[in-house]
Amino acid sequence: MTYPPPAAQPANDKTTLWGVLGIVLGLICCWPAGVVFGILALQEAKKAGKPPTLAYLAFAASALNLIVGIIYIAGR
């Protein structure tokens, strides 16, 4: 009697964590932290073989916050 191979262990990557933190911090408070967490999410996604969608969203959120901040300061 042969046994099936054991189930694959869940990946211990932090792609989702870094991506969500990058999006939240990029939108709410400080865009540099969003960029840093976006870079971390991108690196983790490459290592885990996952799509880097959350990293790109973190970059976009940070860029949006930066642009809105520049417009706000210029309009004062």
C-alpha atoms as a PDB file:
ATOM      1  CA  MET A   1       0.000   0.000   0.000  1.00  0.00           C
ATOM      2  CA  THR A   2       1.375   3.401  -0.966  1.00  0.00           C
ATOM      3  CA  TYR A   3       0.643   6.553   0.917  1.00  0.00           C
ATOM      4  CA  PRO A   4       0.035   9.893  -0.773  1.00  0.00           C
ATOM      5  CA  PRO A   5       2.740  12.503  -0.387  1.00  0.00           C
ATOM      6  CA  PRO A   6       2.323  14.807   2.596  1.00  0.00           C
ATOM      7  CA  ALA A   7       0.439  18.036   2.066  1.00  0.00           C
ATOM      8  CA  ALA A   8       2.557  21.012   1.170  1.00  0.00           C
ATOM      9  CA  GLN A   9       3.431  23.277   4.039  1.00  0.00           C
ATOM     10  CA  PRO A  10       1.969  26.775   3.813  1.00  0.00           C
ATOM     11  CA  ALA A  11       4.493  29.294   2.570  1.00  0.00           C
ATOM     12  CA  ASN A  12       5.967  31.436   5.312  1.00  0.00           C
ATOM     13  CA  ASP A  13       6.338  34.511   3.161  1.00  0.00           C
ATOM     14  CA  LYS A  14       5.189  37.937   4.222  1.00  0.00           C
ATOM     15  CA  THR A  15       4.150  39.221   0.811  1.00  0.00           C
ATOM     16  CA  THR A  16       0.606  40.044   1.865  1.00  0.00           C
ATOM     17  CA  LEU A  17       1.674  41.616   5.158  1.00  0.00           C
ATOM     18  CA  TRP A  18       4.238  43.930   3.569  1.00  0.00           C
ATOM     19  CA  GLY A  19       1.905  44.785   0.697  1.00  0.00           C
ATOM     20  CA  VAL A  20      -1.037  45.703   2.910  1.00  0.00           C
ATOM     21  CA  LEU A  21       1.184  47.694   5.266  1.00  0.00           C
ATOM     22  CA  GLY A  22       2.636  49.534   2.273  1.00  0.00           C
ATOM     23  CA  ILE A  23      -0.813  50.401   0.931  1.00  0.00           C
ATOM     24  CA  VAL A  24      -2.176  51.546   4.295  1.00  0.00           C
ATOM     25  CA  LEU A  25       0.872  53.570   5.294  1.00  0.00           C
ATOM     26  CA  GLY A  26       1.269  54.947   1.790  1.00  0.00           C
ATOM     27  CA  LEU A  27      -2.300  56.239   1.756  1.00  0.00           C
ATOM     28  CA  ILE A  28      -2.776  57.351   5.334  1.00  0.00           C
ATOM     29  CA  CYS A  29       0.315  58.778   6.913  1.00  0.00           C
ATOM     30  CA  CYS A  30       3.708  58.660   5.289  1.00  0.00           C
ATOM     31  CA  TRP A  31       4.574  57.790   1.722  1.00  0.00           C
ATOM     32  CA  PRO A  32       8.247  56.866   2.424  1.00  0.00           C
ATOM     33  CA  ALA A  33       7.112  54.000   4.680  1.00  0.00           C
ATOM     34  CA  GLY A  34       4.734  52.886   1.932  1.00  0.00           C
ATOM     35  CA  VAL A  35       7.617  52.744  -0.528  1.00  0.00           C
ATOM     36  CA  VAL A  36       9.785  50.759   1.900  1.00  0.00           C
ATOM     37  CA  PHE A  37       7.035  48.217   2.547  1.00  0.00           C
ATOM     38  CA  GLY A  38       6.324  48.077  -1.177  1.00  0.00           C
ATOM     39  CA  ILE A  39       9.948  47.162  -1.819  1.00  0.00           C
ATOM     40  CA  LEU A  40       9.773  44.485   0.871  1.00  0.00           C
ATOM     41  CA  ALA A  41       6.572  43.107  -0.657  1.00  0.00           C
ATOM     42  CA  LEU A  42       8.176  43.056  -4.109  1.00  0.00           C
ATOM     43  CA  GLN A  43      11.200  41.139  -2.828  1.00  0.00           C
ATOM     44  CA  GLU A  44       9.039  38.622  -0.948  1.00  0.00           C
ATOM     45  CA  ALA A  45       6.782  38.129  -3.974  1.00  0.00           C
ATOM     46  CA  LYS A  46       9.789  37.343  -6.166  1.00  0.00           C
ATOM     47  CA  LYS A  47      11.146  34.860  -3.617  1.00  0.00           C
ATOM     48  CA  ALA A  48       7.768  33.141  -3.166  1.00  0.00           C
ATOM     49  CA  GLY A  49       6.873  33.191  -6.850  1.00  0.00           C
ATOM     50  CA  LYS A  50       3.716  35.204  -6.227  1.00  0.00           C
ATOM     51  CA  PRO A  51       2.397  38.080  -8.337  1.00  0.00           C
ATOM     52  CA  PRO A  52       3.675  41.456  -7.056  1.00  0.00           C
ATOM     53  CA  THR A  53       0.275  43.165  -7.290  1.00  0.00           C
ATOM     54  CA  LEU A  54       0.219  44.388  -3.677  1.00  0.00           C
ATOM     55  CA  ALA A  55       3.713  45.834  -4.043  1.00  0.00           C
ATOM     56  CA  TYR A  56       2.639  47.799  -7.110  1.00  0.00           C
ATOM     57  CA  LEU A  57      -0.457  49.025  -5.267  1.00  0.00           C
ATOM     58  CA  ALA A  58       1.750  50.154  -2.366  1.00  0.00           C
ATOM     59  CA  PHE A  59       3.922  52.118  -4.812  1.00  0.00           C
ATOM     60  CA  ALA A  60       0.833  53.682  -6.410  1.00  0.00           C
ATOM     61  CA  ALA A  61      -0.673  54.605  -3.032  1.00  0.00           C
ATOM     62  CA  SER A  62       2.595  56.200  -1.933  1.00  0.00           C
ATOM     63  CA  ALA A  63       2.904  58.146  -5.188  1.00  0.00           C
ATOM     64  CA  LEU A  64      -0.696  59.325  -4.872  1.00  0.00           C
ATOM     65  CA  ASN A  65      -0.066  60.521  -1.317  1.00  0.00           C
ATOM     66  CA  LEU A  66       3.087  62.332  -2.420  1.00  0.00           C
ATOM     67  CA  ILE A  67       1.316  64.069  -5.306  1.00  0.00           C
ATOM     68  CA  VAL A  68      -1.651  65.106  -3.163  1.00  0.00           C
ATOM     69  CA  GLY A  69       0.758  66.433  -0.523  1.00  0.00           C
ATOM     70  CA  ILE A  70       2.652  68.490  -3.091  1.00  0.00           C
ATOM     71  CA  ILE A  71      -0.593  69.929  -4.464  1.00  0.00           C
ATOM     72  CA  TYR A  72      -1.802  70.725  -0.975  1.00  0.00           C
ATOM     73  CA  ILE A  73       1.413  72.511  -0.012  1.00  0.00           C
ATOM     74  CA  ALA A  74       1.554  74.382  -3.340  1.00  0.00           C
ATOM     75  CA  GLY A  75      -2.008  75.593  -2.888  1.00  0.00           C
ATOM     76  CA  ARG A  76      -1.388  77.149   0.515  1.00  0.00           C
END
